Protein backbone atom coordinates (compact mmCIF):
# COMPACT_ATOMS: atom_id res chain seq x y z
CA MET A 1 141.17 57.01 172.18
CA ASP A 2 143.03 53.81 172.37
CA GLU A 3 141.28 50.41 172.86
CA GLN A 4 143.44 49.49 175.57
CA LEU A 5 143.29 53.17 177.23
CA ARG A 6 139.80 52.62 177.10
CA ALA A 7 139.69 49.48 178.53
CA ARG A 8 141.82 50.68 181.54
CA PHE A 9 139.35 54.00 182.28
CA LEU A 10 136.43 51.96 182.25
CA ARG A 11 138.11 49.50 184.63
CA MET A 12 139.00 52.54 186.42
CA ILE A 13 135.42 53.66 186.82
CA GLU A 14 133.62 50.20 187.57
CA GLN A 15 136.34 49.82 190.93
CA SER A 16 135.57 53.62 191.62
CA PHE A 17 131.60 52.22 191.66
CA ARG A 18 131.99 49.34 193.66
CA ASP A 19 134.85 50.68 196.13
CA SER A 20 131.53 53.52 196.81
CA ILE A 21 128.68 50.70 197.08
CA ARG A 22 131.36 48.36 199.28
CA ALA A 23 131.98 51.74 201.82
CA LYS A 24 128.35 52.38 202.42
CA GLU A 25 127.43 49.05 202.73
CA GLU A 26 129.62 48.60 205.68
CA LEU A 27 128.63 51.87 206.34
CA PHE A 28 124.87 51.18 206.37
CA ARG A 29 125.47 47.75 208.70
CA ARG A 30 127.85 49.90 211.39
CA GLY A 31 126.32 53.08 211.44
CA SER A 32 122.73 52.98 211.16
CA GLY A 33 121.45 53.13 214.99
CA THR A 34 124.56 55.80 215.23
CA MET A 35 122.65 57.91 212.31
CA LEU A 36 119.49 57.30 214.02
CA GLU A 37 120.31 58.78 217.39
CA MET A 38 122.07 61.79 215.98
CA ALA A 39 119.05 62.36 213.42
CA VAL A 40 116.88 61.74 216.82
CA GLY A 41 119.63 64.46 219.13
CA VAL A 42 119.68 67.05 216.38
CA SER A 43 115.45 66.61 215.90
CA GLU A 44 115.23 67.14 219.73
CA ALA A 45 117.82 70.48 219.44
CA PHE A 46 115.05 72.05 216.77
CA ARG A 47 112.19 71.42 218.59
CA ARG A 48 113.58 73.01 222.66
CA GLY A 49 114.27 75.88 219.80
CA ASN A 50 118.17 75.51 219.44
CA ARG A 51 120.21 75.54 216.54
CA LEU A 52 122.80 73.42 214.55
CA PHE A 53 126.20 74.21 213.73
CA LEU A 54 127.93 72.18 210.82
CA PHE A 55 131.99 72.54 209.71
CA GLY A 56 134.46 71.05 207.72
CA ASN A 57 137.49 72.17 205.31
CA GLY A 58 137.24 71.79 201.40
CA GLY A 59 135.12 69.41 200.20
CA SER A 60 133.66 68.58 204.11
CA ALA A 61 133.11 72.29 203.97
CA ALA A 62 130.88 71.39 201.21
CA ASP A 63 128.82 69.38 202.84
CA ALA A 64 128.37 71.56 206.08
CA GLN A 65 126.33 74.07 203.58
CA HIS A 66 124.92 71.63 201.72
CA LEU A 67 123.42 70.05 204.46
CA ALA A 68 122.32 73.41 206.12
CA ALA A 69 120.82 74.65 202.92
CA GLU A 70 119.09 71.76 202.58
CA LEU A 71 117.72 71.79 206.78
CA VAL A 72 116.84 75.93 206.57
CA ASN A 73 114.81 75.08 203.08
CA ARG A 74 113.48 71.72 203.01
CA PHE A 75 114.72 68.38 201.97
CA ALA A 76 112.20 66.42 200.94
CA MET A 77 108.49 68.51 202.15
CA ASP A 78 107.51 71.46 202.54
CA ARG A 79 107.38 72.72 206.53
CA PRO A 80 108.61 75.56 208.51
CA PRO A 81 112.78 75.88 208.35
CA LEU A 82 115.22 74.69 210.70
CA ALA A 83 117.71 76.64 212.38
CA ALA A 84 120.81 75.26 210.99
CA VAL A 85 123.83 76.78 210.28
CA ALA A 86 127.02 76.31 208.30
CA LEU A 87 130.13 77.68 209.60
CA THR A 88 132.05 77.80 206.79
CA VAL A 89 130.29 80.69 204.58
CA ASP A 90 131.42 83.85 205.66
CA SER A 91 134.42 84.66 203.77
CA SER A 92 135.34 88.20 205.92
CA ILE A 93 134.95 85.95 209.17
CA LEU A 94 137.22 82.84 207.78
CA THR A 95 139.82 85.30 206.42
CA SER A 96 139.69 87.99 209.57
CA ILE A 97 140.35 85.32 212.00
CA SER A 98 143.21 84.10 209.88
CA ASN A 99 144.58 86.76 209.65
CA ASP A 100 144.83 87.46 213.08
CA SER A 101 144.78 84.94 214.77
CA THR A 102 145.34 81.37 213.15
CA PHE A 103 143.00 78.97 210.66
CA ASP A 104 142.72 77.08 213.41
CA GLU A 105 140.43 79.49 215.10
CA VAL A 106 137.73 79.99 212.19
CA PHE A 107 135.10 77.55 214.05
CA VAL A 108 136.02 77.93 217.78
CA LYS A 109 135.57 81.49 217.74
CA GLN A 110 132.27 81.13 215.94
CA LEU A 111 130.78 78.85 218.41
CA GLN A 112 131.89 81.31 220.66
CA ALA A 113 130.01 83.87 219.16
CA LEU A 114 126.74 82.06 218.17
CA GLY A 115 126.42 78.70 220.35
CA CYS A 116 124.83 78.33 223.23
CA LYS A 117 124.19 75.80 225.85
CA GLY A 118 121.74 72.68 224.35
CA ASP A 119 122.82 73.75 220.48
CA VAL A 120 124.41 70.92 218.14
CA ALA A 121 128.12 71.42 217.04
CA LEU A 122 128.07 68.32 213.97
CA GLY A 123 131.48 68.70 213.02
CA ILE A 124 133.41 67.06 209.15
CA SER A 125 136.21 65.79 208.94
CA THR A 126 138.10 63.02 206.72
CA SER A 127 140.77 62.38 208.55
CA GLY A 128 139.64 63.17 211.36
CA ASN A 129 142.66 65.06 212.92
CA SER A 130 141.65 68.69 211.08
CA PRO A 131 142.40 71.18 214.17
CA ASN A 132 139.99 73.80 213.64
CA VAL A 133 137.36 71.48 213.40
CA VAL A 134 139.01 69.67 217.44
CA LYS A 135 138.90 72.75 218.89
CA GLY A 136 135.55 73.30 217.60
CA LEU A 137 134.56 70.20 218.73
CA MET A 138 136.25 70.49 222.38
CA TRP A 139 135.12 73.84 222.88
CA ALA A 140 131.48 72.91 221.91
CA ARG A 141 131.60 69.61 224.44
CA GLU A 142 133.40 71.64 226.91
CA ASN A 143 130.29 74.03 227.08
CA GLY A 144 126.88 72.24 226.87
CA LEU A 145 126.95 71.68 223.10
CA ILE A 146 125.66 68.67 222.24
CA THR A 147 128.69 67.02 219.96
CA LEU A 148 128.35 64.86 216.58
CA GLY A 149 131.11 64.16 214.49
CA LEU A 150 131.31 62.39 210.51
CA SER A 151 135.18 61.27 209.99
CA GLY A 152 137.26 58.68 208.20
CA ASN A 153 138.14 55.05 208.87
CA GLY A 154 140.30 54.02 212.52
CA PRO A 155 140.56 56.58 215.40
CA ALA A 156 141.39 60.35 215.16
CA ALA A 157 141.91 63.55 217.63
CA MET A 158 138.51 64.44 217.37
CA ASP A 159 137.02 60.89 218.36
CA ALA A 160 136.78 61.88 222.19
CA TRP A 161 134.54 65.36 221.31
CA CYS A 162 132.28 63.74 219.76
CA ASP A 163 128.72 62.64 221.65
CA LEU A 164 128.26 60.03 218.85
CA LEU A 165 130.69 59.76 215.98
CA LEU A 166 129.93 58.57 212.34
CA ARG A 167 132.93 56.84 211.16
CA VAL A 168 133.54 55.94 207.51
CA PRO A 169 135.09 52.60 206.83
CA SER A 170 137.62 53.43 203.59
CA PRO A 171 140.99 54.39 203.74
CA VAL A 172 140.24 56.90 200.22
CA THR A 173 138.90 60.46 200.84
CA ALA A 174 136.59 60.70 198.08
CA ARG A 175 135.47 57.43 199.53
CA ILE A 176 134.45 58.93 202.58
CA GLN A 177 132.86 62.24 201.25
CA GLU A 178 130.53 60.20 199.01
CA CYS A 179 129.28 58.39 202.70
CA HIS A 180 129.54 61.23 204.46
CA ILE A 181 127.24 63.10 201.85
CA THR A 182 124.82 60.42 201.54
CA ALA A 183 124.67 59.72 205.83
CA GLY A 184 123.73 63.65 205.44
CA HIS A 185 120.96 63.47 203.51
CA ILE A 186 119.81 60.55 205.32
CA LEU A 187 120.08 62.62 208.22
CA CYS A 188 118.02 65.42 206.13
CA ALA A 189 115.14 63.20 205.86
CA LEU A 190 114.98 61.21 209.58
CA VAL A 191 114.73 65.10 211.25
CA GLU A 192 111.96 66.30 208.66
CA GLU A 193 110.16 62.36 209.16
CA ILE A 194 110.36 63.31 213.09
CA LEU A 195 109.63 66.83 213.22
CA PHE A 196 106.84 66.73 210.60
CA GLY A 197 106.50 63.53 208.72
CA GLY A 198 103.29 62.76 211.49
CA GLU A 199 101.74 66.60 210.45
CA MET A 200 102.53 67.14 206.54
CA LEU A 201 100.73 63.22 206.73
CA SER A 202 97.35 64.41 208.94
């Protein structure tokens, strides 16, 4: 590889790391209290026998099923499974709703079928404006579910429908996604510790 090209690519790598670190440090400063409130709310819902529903599109869909897996199986400790459901994984449901009505309905129809008062709906959208995420959160709020959101920088459509909202202070989608999964992992760790920390240590 040409040395100038190599140097340019290495600068790109360095800048990406620096931007990601900067976004995470700012999220830590602004969002730590919100993350703790989210973890407490999710933990209380699990204690009541309620469920957590997670949903988003693209990379956010991957985050939804990733975090559901951490909660159903385990994150950092062996403990009883937790009732987390990703609404992004059933291809027959997703394609039938999209085909028969509109893609905007793929999450709200699942919440209408499965959601109950006291459950938690966690919508993930880097823009904060994904119509299907907004519709899901809107229905959830209007029907007694606790609504949480992971979004990007600045005001967006989903803000009005979230009881708790964690905004990532970056305009770059990749940096927002990196912060979302970091925040998700912290949420899983906190929920495990709140629900099972003392039990596992005793």
